[in-house]
Amino acid sequence: MDQNDIVTDPLLHSVLTAAERTRQECLQITHLLEQHKATPGTAPRDVQVELSEHQKQLFSNLSQMRSLHRDALYEVRKTKAETTERRHEIDALHLQLQNLYYEQRHLIGEIEACRSYDHKYQQLPLISMEEFLAQFPEHTSDDESELMTARINHEYEERQKLEDQRQALLKKKQALIAENNRRKADLESLDQDLEKFIIVSNSMRG
């Protein structure tokens, strides 16, 4: 597999390219020395000139490779720091998601508890749905919650009317009792006056 298939980052690819050029310069220098059976100090003049040119190119390639290597290390550290930061963000989002799942399960449990709760309004002696809609057809399009609220309000209003009637009858009853007591007192006073009159009449006859 070619290195271009493995390394796709442009900066890393340039480092490898510079390293390959440097390696080729080293191979050419080694080939010249082996070809002339000499060391850099004992080679013929023309070979030394050629070796000098290759060495200059080698040093230039080494300098470029070091610079590219530093840049690559910087980018690697930068990418690693960004990856760590993104990982922390993902961990935080994952924790938030878990909290949302927990809150969702809690709310579902609360909703089920509310649905199964024996509410007091369910025990109210409301008129039937059919009878209510027959009396108030404007509520036909209401949803279940709105319809129940309307039925409860209707029951409240009916009970309020009955309570008003009861209070009115109670006041009337109290007024009749007071009037009856007043008349009873008047009769008792009349009886006393009548007895006094009889006593006085009898004494006058005697």
N, C-alpha and C. Protein backbone atom coordinates (compact mmCIF):
# COMPACT_ATOMS: atom_id res chain seq x y z
N MET A 1 0.85 -1.20 0.00
CA MET A 1 0.00 0.00 0.00
C MET A 1 0.88 1.24 0.00
N ASP A 2 0.62 2.18 -0.90
CA ASP A 2 1.39 3.41 -1.00
C ASP A 2 1.14 4.31 0.20
N GLN A 3 2.20 5.09 0.58
CA GLN A 3 2.06 5.95 1.75
C GLN A 3 0.98 7.02 1.55
N ASN A 4 0.73 7.39 0.29
CA ASN A 4 -0.32 8.38 0.01
C ASN A 4 -1.71 7.85 0.35
N ASP A 5 -1.83 6.50 0.33
CA ASP A 5 -3.11 5.90 0.70
C ASP A 5 -3.28 5.85 2.22
N ILE A 6 -2.15 5.90 2.94
CA ILE A 6 -2.21 5.83 4.40
C ILE A 6 -2.28 7.23 5.01
N VAL A 7 -1.37 8.11 4.56
CA VAL A 7 -1.31 9.48 5.08
C VAL A 7 -2.05 10.40 4.12
N THR A 8 -3.12 11.02 4.60
CA THR A 8 -3.92 11.91 3.76
C THR A 8 -3.80 13.37 4.18
N ASP A 9 -3.26 13.63 5.38
CA ASP A 9 -3.11 15.01 5.83
C ASP A 9 -2.04 15.71 5.00
N PRO A 10 -2.34 16.88 4.43
CA PRO A 10 -1.37 17.57 3.57
C PRO A 10 -0.05 17.89 4.26
N LEU A 11 -0.11 18.33 5.53
CA LEU A 11 1.10 18.69 6.25
C LEU A 11 1.98 17.47 6.50
N LEU A 12 1.37 16.38 6.95
CA LEU A 12 2.15 15.16 7.18
C LEU A 12 2.70 14.62 5.86
N HIS A 13 1.92 14.78 4.81
CA HIS A 13 2.38 14.32 3.50
C HIS A 13 3.60 15.12 3.05
N SER A 14 3.63 16.42 3.34
CA SER A 14 4.79 17.24 2.97
C SER A 14 6.02 16.84 3.79
N VAL A 15 5.82 16.45 5.06
CA VAL A 15 6.94 15.97 5.88
C VAL A 15 7.54 14.72 5.27
N LEU A 16 6.68 13.79 4.88
CA LEU A 16 7.16 12.55 4.27
C LEU A 16 7.88 12.82 2.94
N THR A 17 7.34 13.77 2.19
CA THR A 17 7.97 14.12 0.91
C THR A 17 9.36 14.70 1.14
N ALA A 18 9.48 15.61 2.12
CA ALA A 18 10.78 16.19 2.44
C ALA A 18 11.74 15.11 2.94
N ALA A 19 11.24 14.18 3.74
CA ALA A 19 12.09 13.10 4.24
C ALA A 19 12.57 12.21 3.10
N GLU A 20 11.71 12.00 2.13
CA GLU A 20 12.11 11.18 0.97
C GLU A 20 13.18 11.89 0.15
N ARG A 21 13.04 13.22 -0.06
CA ARG A 21 14.06 13.97 -0.78
C ARG A 21 15.39 13.92 -0.03
N THR A 22 15.32 14.05 1.28
CA THR A 22 16.54 13.99 2.10
C THR A 22 17.19 12.61 1.99
N ARG A 23 16.38 11.58 2.01
CA ARG A 23 16.93 10.22 1.88
C ARG A 23 17.61 10.03 0.53
N GLN A 24 16.99 10.58 -0.53
CA GLN A 24 17.57 10.45 -1.85
C GLN A 24 18.91 11.19 -1.93
N GLU A 25 19.01 12.36 -1.29
CA GLU A 25 20.28 13.08 -1.27
C GLU A 25 21.35 12.25 -0.55
N CYS A 26 20.98 11.63 0.56
CA CYS A 26 21.92 10.79 1.30
C CYS A 26 22.38 9.61 0.44
N LEU A 27 21.45 9.03 -0.29
CA LEU A 27 21.80 7.90 -1.16
C LEU A 27 22.73 8.34 -2.28
N GLN A 28 22.51 9.53 -2.84
CA GLN A 28 23.37 10.01 -3.91
C GLN A 28 24.78 10.29 -3.39
N ILE A 29 24.86 10.90 -2.18
CA ILE A 29 26.19 11.14 -1.59
C ILE A 29 26.90 9.82 -1.34
N THR A 30 26.19 8.86 -0.79
CA THR A 30 26.80 7.54 -0.52
C THR A 30 27.23 6.87 -1.82
N HIS A 31 26.41 7.01 -2.86
CA HIS A 31 26.75 6.40 -4.15
C HIS A 31 28.01 7.03 -4.74
N LEU A 32 28.15 8.36 -4.65
CA LEU A 32 29.35 9.02 -5.17
C LEU A 32 30.60 8.56 -4.43
N LEU A 33 30.49 8.46 -3.11
CA LEU A 33 31.66 8.04 -2.33
C LEU A 33 32.04 6.61 -2.65
N GLU A 34 31.02 5.74 -2.79
CA GLU A 34 31.31 4.35 -3.11
C GLU A 34 31.86 4.21 -4.54
N GLN A 35 31.36 5.05 -5.45
CA GLN A 35 31.77 4.98 -6.85
C GLN A 35 33.25 5.34 -7.02
N HIS A 36 33.69 6.32 -6.22
CA HIS A 36 35.08 6.76 -6.35
C HIS A 36 35.97 6.21 -5.25
N LYS A 37 35.43 5.32 -4.42
CA LYS A 37 36.21 4.70 -3.36
C LYS A 37 36.95 5.75 -2.56
N ALA A 38 36.18 6.75 -2.12
CA ALA A 38 36.84 7.85 -1.40
C ALA A 38 35.95 8.32 -0.27
N THR A 39 36.55 9.15 0.60
CA THR A 39 35.83 9.83 1.66
C THR A 39 35.63 11.26 1.21
N PRO A 40 34.76 12.01 1.88
CA PRO A 40 34.53 13.39 1.44
C PRO A 40 35.80 14.22 1.36
N GLY A 41 36.85 13.92 2.15
CA GLY A 41 38.08 14.73 2.12
C GLY A 41 39.11 14.27 1.11
N THR A 42 38.99 13.04 0.60
CA THR A 42 40.00 12.48 -0.31
C THR A 42 39.49 12.31 -1.72
N ALA A 43 38.25 12.66 -2.02
CA ALA A 43 37.67 12.49 -3.35
C ALA A 43 38.28 13.52 -4.30
N PRO A 44 38.24 13.22 -5.59
CA PRO A 44 38.73 14.18 -6.58
C PRO A 44 37.97 15.50 -6.50
N ARG A 45 38.62 16.51 -7.12
CA ARG A 45 38.08 17.86 -7.01
C ARG A 45 36.66 17.94 -7.55
N ASP A 46 36.44 17.43 -8.73
CA ASP A 46 35.10 17.52 -9.31
C ASP A 46 34.07 16.75 -8.50
N VAL A 47 34.52 15.63 -7.91
CA VAL A 47 33.61 14.85 -7.06
C VAL A 47 33.29 15.61 -5.79
N GLN A 48 34.33 16.29 -5.22
CA GLN A 48 34.10 17.07 -4.01
C GLN A 48 33.12 18.23 -4.26
N VAL A 49 33.24 18.83 -5.46
CA VAL A 49 32.30 19.91 -5.80
C VAL A 49 30.87 19.36 -5.87
N GLU A 50 30.75 18.20 -6.52
CA GLU A 50 29.42 17.58 -6.62
C GLU A 50 28.90 17.17 -5.26
N LEU A 51 29.84 16.62 -4.43
CA LEU A 51 29.44 16.25 -3.06
C LEU A 51 29.01 17.49 -2.27
N SER A 52 29.71 18.59 -2.47
CA SER A 52 29.37 19.82 -1.76
C SER A 52 27.98 20.30 -2.14
N GLU A 53 27.66 20.19 -3.45
CA GLU A 53 26.33 20.59 -3.89
C GLU A 53 25.25 19.70 -3.26
N HIS A 54 25.55 18.40 -3.26
CA HIS A 54 24.58 17.47 -2.63
C HIS A 54 24.44 17.73 -1.14
N GLN A 55 25.56 18.06 -0.46
CA GLN A 55 25.51 18.34 0.98
C GLN A 55 24.69 19.60 1.27
N LYS A 56 24.88 20.62 0.41
CA LYS A 56 24.09 21.83 0.59
C LYS A 56 22.60 21.53 0.44
N GLN A 57 22.32 20.74 -0.60
CA GLN A 57 20.92 20.36 -0.81
C GLN A 57 20.40 19.51 0.35
N LEU A 58 21.29 18.64 0.88
CA LEU A 58 20.92 17.79 2.02
C LEU A 58 20.60 18.64 3.24
N PHE A 59 21.46 19.62 3.53
CA PHE A 59 21.24 20.49 4.69
C PHE A 59 19.95 21.31 4.52
N SER A 60 19.73 21.76 3.26
CA SER A 60 18.48 22.50 3.00
C SER A 60 17.27 21.61 3.23
N ASN A 61 17.37 20.35 2.74
CA ASN A 61 16.25 19.42 2.94
C ASN A 61 16.04 19.11 4.41
N LEU A 62 17.17 18.94 5.15
CA LEU A 62 17.07 18.66 6.60
C LEU A 62 16.42 19.83 7.34
N SER A 63 16.82 21.04 6.95
CA SER A 63 16.24 22.23 7.59
C SER A 63 14.74 22.31 7.31
N GLN A 64 14.40 22.08 6.03
CA GLN A 64 12.98 22.10 5.68
C GLN A 64 12.21 21.00 6.39
N MET A 65 12.81 19.82 6.49
CA MET A 65 12.14 18.69 7.13
C MET A 65 11.93 18.96 8.62
N ARG A 66 12.95 19.58 9.27
CA ARG A 66 12.79 19.91 10.69
C ARG A 66 11.67 20.93 10.89
N SER A 67 11.62 21.93 10.00
CA SER A 67 10.58 22.95 10.10
C SER A 67 9.19 22.33 9.91
N LEU A 68 9.09 21.49 8.87
CA LEU A 68 7.81 20.82 8.63
C LEU A 68 7.45 19.88 9.77
N HIS A 69 8.48 19.24 10.34
CA HIS A 69 8.22 18.33 11.47
C HIS A 69 7.70 19.09 12.67
N ARG A 70 8.30 20.29 12.94
CA ARG A 70 7.80 21.11 14.05
C ARG A 70 6.34 21.53 13.81
N ASP A 71 6.08 21.95 12.56
CA ASP A 71 4.70 22.35 12.23
C ASP A 71 3.73 21.18 12.41
N ALA A 72 4.19 19.99 11.98
CA ALA A 72 3.33 18.81 12.10
C ALA A 72 3.07 18.48 13.57
N LEU A 73 4.12 18.58 14.41
CA LEU A 73 3.93 18.32 15.84
C LEU A 73 2.96 19.32 16.46
N TYR A 74 3.10 20.59 16.04
CA TYR A 74 2.19 21.62 16.55
C TYR A 74 0.74 21.30 16.16
N GLU A 75 0.55 20.92 14.91
CA GLU A 75 -0.80 20.59 14.45
C GLU A 75 -1.35 19.36 15.15
N VAL A 76 -0.45 18.39 15.42
CA VAL A 76 -0.89 17.18 16.14
C VAL A 76 -1.35 17.54 17.54
N ARG A 77 -0.54 18.38 18.23
CA ARG A 77 -0.93 18.80 19.59
C ARG A 77 -2.22 19.61 19.57
N LYS A 78 -2.33 20.49 18.55
CA LYS A 78 -3.55 21.30 18.42
C LYS A 78 -4.76 20.42 18.18
N THR A 79 -4.60 19.44 17.28
CA THR A 79 -5.71 18.52 16.98
C THR A 79 -6.07 17.69 18.21
N LYS A 80 -5.03 17.27 18.95
CA LYS A 80 -5.28 16.48 20.16
C LYS A 80 -6.05 17.30 21.19
N ALA A 81 -5.65 18.59 21.35
CA ALA A 81 -6.35 19.46 22.31
C ALA A 81 -7.80 19.68 21.87
N GLU A 82 -7.99 19.90 20.55
CA GLU A 82 -9.35 20.09 20.05
C GLU A 82 -10.18 18.82 20.22
N THR A 83 -9.53 17.67 19.99
CA THR A 83 -10.24 16.40 20.17
C THR A 83 -10.65 16.20 21.63
N THR A 84 -9.72 16.55 22.54
CA THR A 84 -10.04 16.44 23.98
C THR A 84 -11.20 17.37 24.35
N GLU A 85 -11.16 18.60 23.80
CA GLU A 85 -12.24 19.55 24.07
C GLU A 85 -13.57 19.05 23.54
N ARG A 86 -13.55 18.52 22.31
CA ARG A 86 -14.78 17.98 21.72
C ARG A 86 -15.29 16.78 22.51
N ARG A 87 -14.33 15.97 23.01
CA ARG A 87 -14.74 14.80 23.80
C ARG A 87 -15.44 15.24 25.08
N HIS A 88 -14.90 16.31 25.70
CA HIS A 88 -15.54 16.83 26.91
C HIS A 88 -16.94 17.37 26.59
N GLU A 89 -17.05 18.05 25.43
CA GLU A 89 -18.38 18.55 25.04
C GLU A 89 -19.35 17.40 24.80
N ILE A 90 -18.84 16.34 24.15
CA ILE A 90 -19.71 15.18 23.89
C ILE A 90 -20.10 14.52 25.21
N ASP A 91 -19.14 14.42 26.16
CA ASP A 91 -19.46 13.83 27.46
C ASP A 91 -20.51 14.66 28.19
N ALA A 92 -20.38 16.00 28.09
CA ALA A 92 -21.36 16.87 28.74
C ALA A 92 -22.74 16.71 28.09
N LEU A 93 -22.76 16.64 26.75
CA LEU A 93 -24.03 16.45 26.05
C LEU A 93 -24.64 15.09 26.38
N HIS A 94 -23.77 14.08 26.50
CA HIS A 94 -24.27 12.75 26.85
C HIS A 94 -24.89 12.76 28.25
N LEU A 95 -24.23 13.48 29.18
CA LEU A 95 -24.78 13.58 30.53
C LEU A 95 -26.12 14.31 30.51
N GLN A 96 -26.21 15.39 29.73
CA GLN A 96 -27.48 16.11 29.61
C GLN A 96 -28.56 15.21 29.03
N LEU A 97 -28.17 14.40 28.03
CA LEU A 97 -29.14 13.48 27.43
C LEU A 97 -29.63 12.45 28.44
N GLN A 98 -28.71 11.93 29.26
CA GLN A 98 -29.11 10.97 30.30
C GLN A 98 -30.05 11.63 31.31
N ASN A 99 -29.75 12.90 31.65
CA ASN A 99 -30.63 13.62 32.58
C ASN A 99 -32.02 13.83 31.96
N LEU A 100 -32.05 14.11 30.66
CA LEU A 100 -33.34 14.28 29.98
C LEU A 100 -34.12 12.98 29.96
N TYR A 101 -33.41 11.85 29.73
CA TYR A 101 -34.08 10.56 29.77
C TYR A 101 -34.67 10.29 31.16
N TYR A 102 -33.87 10.63 32.20
CA TYR A 102 -34.34 10.43 33.57
C TYR A 102 -35.56 11.30 33.84
N GLU A 103 -35.49 12.58 33.39
CA GLU A 103 -36.62 13.50 33.59
C GLU A 103 -37.84 13.01 32.82
N GLN A 104 -37.61 12.47 31.61
CA GLN A 104 -38.72 11.95 30.82
C GLN A 104 -39.40 10.79 31.53
N ARG A 105 -38.58 9.84 32.06
CA ARG A 105 -39.17 8.71 32.78
C ARG A 105 -39.93 9.20 34.01
N HIS A 106 -39.38 10.20 34.70
CA HIS A 106 -40.04 10.74 35.89
C HIS A 106 -41.39 11.37 35.51
N LEU A 107 -41.39 12.16 34.43
CA LEU A 107 -42.63 12.81 34.01
C LEU A 107 -43.67 11.80 33.55
N ILE A 108 -43.21 10.75 32.84
CA ILE A 108 -44.14 9.70 32.42
C ILE A 108 -44.77 9.04 33.64
N GLY A 109 -43.95 8.79 34.68
CA GLY A 109 -44.49 8.21 35.91
C GLY A 109 -45.49 9.13 36.58
N GLU A 110 -45.18 10.45 36.59
CA GLU A 110 -46.10 11.41 37.19
C GLU A 110 -47.42 11.47 36.42
N ILE A 111 -47.31 11.42 35.08
CA ILE A 111 -48.52 11.46 34.24
C ILE A 111 -49.39 10.23 34.50
N GLU A 112 -48.75 9.07 34.57
CA GLU A 112 -49.50 7.84 34.84
C GLU A 112 -50.16 7.89 36.22
N ALA A 113 -49.42 8.45 37.20
CA ALA A 113 -49.98 8.57 38.55
C ALA A 113 -51.20 9.48 38.55
N CYS A 114 -51.11 10.59 37.79
CA CYS A 114 -52.24 11.52 37.71
C CYS A 114 -53.44 10.87 37.03
N ARG A 115 -53.16 10.08 35.99
CA ARG A 115 -54.25 9.43 35.28
C ARG A 115 -54.95 8.39 36.13
N SER A 116 -54.19 7.70 36.98
CA SER A 116 -54.78 6.65 37.81
C SER A 116 -55.30 7.18 39.14
N TYR A 117 -55.07 8.46 39.44
CA TYR A 117 -55.50 9.02 40.72
C TYR A 117 -57.02 9.14 40.76
N ASP A 118 -57.58 8.80 41.90
CA ASP A 118 -59.04 8.85 42.08
C ASP A 118 -59.44 10.28 42.42
N HIS A 119 -59.62 11.10 41.40
CA HIS A 119 -59.93 12.51 41.62
C HIS A 119 -61.34 12.67 42.19
N LYS A 120 -61.48 13.69 43.02
CA LYS A 120 -62.77 13.95 43.65
C LYS A 120 -63.83 14.33 42.63
N TYR A 121 -63.39 15.02 41.56
CA TYR A 121 -64.40 15.46 40.59
C TYR A 121 -65.06 14.28 39.89
N GLN A 122 -64.35 13.12 39.87
CA GLN A 122 -64.94 11.95 39.25
C GLN A 122 -66.10 11.39 40.07
N GLN A 123 -66.18 11.80 41.34
CA GLN A 123 -67.25 11.32 42.22
C GLN A 123 -68.43 12.30 42.27
N LEU A 124 -68.32 13.42 41.57
CA LEU A 124 -69.42 14.39 41.57
C LEU A 124 -70.61 13.82 40.80
N PRO A 125 -71.80 14.07 41.32
CA PRO A 125 -73.02 13.57 40.63
C PRO A 125 -73.38 14.46 39.44
N LEU A 126 -72.50 14.46 38.44
CA LEU A 126 -72.76 15.30 37.27
C LEU A 126 -73.84 14.68 36.40
N ILE A 127 -74.50 15.55 35.65
CA ILE A 127 -75.47 15.02 34.70
C ILE A 127 -74.71 14.30 33.59
N SER A 128 -75.35 13.41 32.90
CA SER A 128 -74.68 12.61 31.87
C SER A 128 -74.17 13.49 30.74
N MET A 129 -73.19 12.96 30.03
CA MET A 129 -72.62 13.69 28.91
C MET A 129 -73.69 14.03 27.87
N GLU A 130 -74.53 13.06 27.57
CA GLU A 130 -75.56 13.27 26.55
C GLU A 130 -76.53 14.37 26.96
N GLU A 131 -76.93 14.36 28.24
CA GLU A 131 -77.86 15.36 28.73
C GLU A 131 -77.23 16.75 28.72
N PHE A 132 -75.93 16.81 29.10
CA PHE A 132 -75.24 18.10 29.12
C PHE A 132 -75.13 18.68 27.71
N LEU A 133 -74.72 17.84 26.75
CA LEU A 133 -74.58 18.32 25.38
C LEU A 133 -75.92 18.68 24.77
N ALA A 134 -76.97 18.00 25.20
CA ALA A 134 -78.30 18.35 24.71
C ALA A 134 -78.71 19.74 25.21
N GLN A 135 -78.30 20.09 26.43
CA GLN A 135 -78.63 21.40 26.99
C GLN A 135 -77.69 22.48 26.47
N PHE A 136 -76.43 22.09 26.24
CA PHE A 136 -75.42 23.08 25.83
C PHE A 136 -74.69 22.57 24.57
N PRO A 137 -75.31 22.61 23.43
CA PRO A 137 -74.69 22.09 22.20
C PRO A 137 -73.45 22.86 21.77
N GLU A 138 -73.23 24.06 22.33
CA GLU A 138 -72.04 24.84 21.95
C GLU A 138 -70.74 24.17 22.42
N HIS A 139 -70.87 23.18 23.31
CA HIS A 139 -69.68 22.47 23.81
C HIS A 139 -69.41 21.17 23.05
N THR A 140 -70.12 20.95 21.97
CA THR A 140 -69.97 19.69 21.23
C THR A 140 -68.56 19.49 20.72
N SER A 141 -67.89 20.57 20.30
CA SER A 141 -66.54 20.47 19.72
C SER A 141 -65.43 20.54 20.77
N ASP A 142 -65.78 20.64 22.06
CA ASP A 142 -64.76 20.72 23.11
C ASP A 142 -64.03 19.39 23.25
N ASP A 143 -62.75 19.47 23.68
CA ASP A 143 -62.04 18.22 23.97
C ASP A 143 -62.46 17.70 25.34
N GLU A 144 -61.89 16.58 25.73
CA GLU A 144 -62.32 15.91 26.96
C GLU A 144 -62.12 16.80 28.18
N SER A 145 -60.96 17.48 28.25
CA SER A 145 -60.66 18.33 29.41
C SER A 145 -61.61 19.53 29.47
N GLU A 146 -61.80 20.19 28.34
CA GLU A 146 -62.69 21.36 28.31
C GLU A 146 -64.13 20.96 28.63
N LEU A 147 -64.54 19.80 28.14
CA LEU A 147 -65.90 19.34 28.39
C LEU A 147 -66.12 19.03 29.87
N MET A 148 -65.12 18.39 30.51
CA MET A 148 -65.24 18.09 31.93
C MET A 148 -65.29 19.38 32.74
N THR A 149 -64.46 20.36 32.36
CA THR A 149 -64.46 21.65 33.07
C THR A 149 -65.82 22.33 32.94
N ALA A 150 -66.39 22.29 31.76
CA ALA A 150 -67.70 22.91 31.54
C ALA A 150 -68.77 22.21 32.36
N ARG A 151 -68.73 20.89 32.43
CA ARG A 151 -69.72 20.14 33.21
C ARG A 151 -69.59 20.45 34.70
N ILE A 152 -68.35 20.56 35.19
CA ILE A 152 -68.13 20.89 36.61
C ILE A 152 -68.62 22.29 36.91
N ASN A 153 -68.34 23.24 35.99
CA ASN A 153 -68.82 24.61 36.18
C ASN A 153 -70.34 24.66 36.18
N HIS A 154 -70.95 23.86 35.31
CA HIS A 154 -72.42 23.81 35.28
C HIS A 154 -72.96 23.25 36.59
N GLU A 155 -72.32 22.21 37.10
CA GLU A 155 -72.75 21.64 38.38
C GLU A 155 -72.60 22.66 39.51
N TYR A 156 -71.49 23.41 39.46
CA TYR A 156 -71.27 24.43 40.48
C TYR A 156 -72.36 25.50 40.43
N GLU A 157 -72.66 25.95 39.21
CA GLU A 157 -73.70 26.97 39.06
C GLU A 157 -75.05 26.46 39.55
N GLU A 158 -75.39 25.22 39.24
CA GLU A 158 -76.65 24.65 39.69
C GLU A 158 -76.70 24.56 41.21
N ARG A 159 -75.57 24.13 41.79
CA ARG A 159 -75.54 24.03 43.26
C ARG A 159 -75.59 25.43 43.89
N GLN A 160 -74.97 26.41 43.22
CA GLN A 160 -75.03 27.77 43.74
C GLN A 160 -76.47 28.29 43.72
N LYS A 161 -77.19 27.97 42.65
CA LYS A 161 -78.60 28.37 42.59
C LYS A 161 -79.40 27.71 43.70
N LEU A 162 -79.16 26.40 43.90
CA LEU A 162 -79.87 25.70 44.97
C LEU A 162 -79.52 26.27 46.34
N GLU A 163 -78.25 26.65 46.52
CA GLU A 163 -77.84 27.23 47.79
C GLU A 163 -78.51 28.58 47.99
N ASP A 164 -78.61 29.36 46.93
CA ASP A 164 -79.30 30.65 47.04
C ASP A 164 -80.76 30.44 47.40
N GLN A 165 -81.40 29.45 46.79
CA GLN A 165 -82.79 29.14 47.11
C GLN A 165 -82.92 28.67 48.56
N ARG A 166 -81.94 27.86 48.99
CA ARG A 166 -82.00 27.38 50.39
C ARG A 166 -81.85 28.54 51.37
N GLN A 167 -80.93 29.46 51.07
CA GLN A 167 -80.74 30.61 51.95
C GLN A 167 -82.00 31.48 51.97
N ALA A 168 -82.64 31.63 50.80
CA ALA A 168 -83.87 32.45 50.74
C ALA A 168 -84.98 31.79 51.55
N LEU A 169 -85.13 30.47 51.42
CA LEU A 169 -86.14 29.74 52.19
C LEU A 169 -85.83 29.79 53.68
N LEU A 170 -84.53 29.72 54.01
CA LEU A 170 -84.15 29.78 55.42
C LEU A 170 -84.53 31.14 56.02
N LYS A 171 -84.26 32.20 55.26
CA LYS A 171 -84.63 33.54 55.74
C LYS A 171 -86.15 33.66 55.89
N LYS A 172 -86.88 33.08 54.93
CA LYS A 172 -88.34 33.12 55.00
C LYS A 172 -88.84 32.35 56.21
N LYS A 173 -88.18 31.19 56.47
CA LYS A 173 -88.56 30.37 57.61
C LYS A 173 -88.31 31.13 58.92
N GLN A 174 -87.15 31.78 58.99
CA GLN A 174 -86.81 32.54 60.19
C GLN A 174 -87.79 33.70 60.39
N ALA A 175 -88.19 34.34 59.28
CA ALA A 175 -89.16 35.44 59.38
C ALA A 175 -90.51 34.92 59.87
N LEU A 176 -90.94 33.75 59.35
CA LEU A 176 -92.21 33.17 59.78
C LEU A 176 -92.15 32.77 61.26
N ILE A 177 -91.00 32.21 61.68
CA ILE A 177 -90.87 31.84 63.10
C ILE A 177 -90.95 33.08 63.98
N ALA A 178 -90.27 34.16 63.52
CA ALA A 178 -90.30 35.40 64.31
C ALA A 178 -91.72 35.96 64.37
N GLU A 179 -92.42 35.92 63.22
CA GLU A 179 -93.79 36.41 63.19
C GLU A 179 -94.70 35.55 64.06
N ASN A 180 -94.48 34.24 64.05
CA ASN A 180 -95.27 33.32 64.88
C ASN A 180 -95.03 33.57 66.36
N ASN A 181 -93.75 33.80 66.70
CA ASN A 181 -93.42 34.08 68.11
C ASN A 181 -94.04 35.41 68.55
N ARG A 182 -94.03 36.38 67.63
CA ARG A 182 -94.63 37.68 67.98
C ARG A 182 -96.12 37.53 68.22
N ARG A 183 -96.80 36.79 67.36
CA ARG A 183 -98.24 36.60 67.52
C ARG A 183 -98.54 35.78 68.77
N LYS A 184 -97.68 34.79 69.06
CA LYS A 184 -97.87 33.99 70.25
C LYS A 184 -97.74 34.86 71.51
N ALA A 185 -96.77 35.79 71.46
CA ALA A 185 -96.60 36.71 72.60
C ALA A 185 -97.81 37.63 72.73
N ASP A 186 -98.35 38.06 71.59
CA ASP A 186 -99.53 38.93 71.62
C ASP A 186 -100.72 38.18 72.23
N LEU A 187 -100.89 36.91 71.86
CA LEU A 187 -101.98 36.11 72.40
C LEU A 187 -101.83 35.92 73.90
N GLU A 188 -100.60 35.64 74.32
CA GLU A 188 -100.36 35.46 75.75
C GLU A 188 -100.67 36.75 76.51
N SER A 189 -100.27 37.88 75.90
CA SER A 189 -100.55 39.17 76.56
C SER A 189 -102.07 39.42 76.59
N LEU A 190 -102.77 39.02 75.51
CA LEU A 190 -104.23 39.20 75.46
C LEU A 190 -104.91 38.32 76.50
N ASP A 191 -104.40 37.09 76.70
CA ASP A 191 -104.96 36.20 77.70
C ASP A 191 -104.81 36.80 79.08
N GLN A 192 -103.64 37.37 79.33
CA GLN A 192 -103.40 37.98 80.65
C GLN A 192 -104.36 39.16 80.87
N ASP A 193 -104.54 39.97 79.83
CA ASP A 193 -105.45 41.12 79.95
C ASP A 193 -106.89 40.65 80.17
N LEU A 194 -107.25 39.56 79.49
CA LEU A 194 -108.60 39.03 79.63
C LEU A 194 -108.82 38.50 81.04
N GLU A 195 -107.86 37.81 81.62
CA GLU A 195 -107.99 37.30 82.99
C GLU A 195 -108.14 38.45 83.97
N LYS A 196 -107.35 39.50 83.74
CA LYS A 196 -107.43 40.67 84.62
C LYS A 196 -108.84 41.30 84.52
N PHE A 197 -109.37 41.34 83.30
CA PHE A 197 -110.69 41.92 83.11
C PHE A 197 -111.76 41.11 83.83
N ILE A 198 -111.64 39.77 83.76
CA ILE A 198 -112.62 38.91 84.43
C ILE A 198 -112.56 39.11 85.93
N ILE A 199 -111.34 39.21 86.45
CA ILE A 199 -111.16 39.38 87.90
C ILE A 199 -111.80 40.69 88.33
N VAL A 200 -111.55 41.72 87.59
CA VAL A 200 -112.10 43.03 87.94
C VAL A 200 -113.64 43.00 87.85
N SER A 201 -114.17 42.34 86.85
CA SER A 201 -115.64 42.27 86.70
C SER A 201 -116.27 41.52 87.85
N ASN A 202 -115.68 40.44 88.24
CA ASN A 202 -116.21 39.64 89.34
C ASN A 202 -116.20 40.45 90.65
N SER A 203 -115.16 41.20 90.86
CA SER A 203 -115.07 41.97 92.11
C SER A 203 -116.11 43.10 92.15
N MET A 204 -116.44 43.65 90.99
CA MET A 204 -117.42 44.69 90.92
C MET A 204 -118.82 44.12 91.17
N ARG A 205 -119.09 42.91 90.78
CA ARG A 205 -120.38 42.28 91.03
C ARG A 205 -120.56 41.96 92.48
N GLY A 206 -119.50 41.58 93.14
CA GLY A 206 -119.59 41.22 94.54
C GLY A 206 -119.79 42.43 95.44
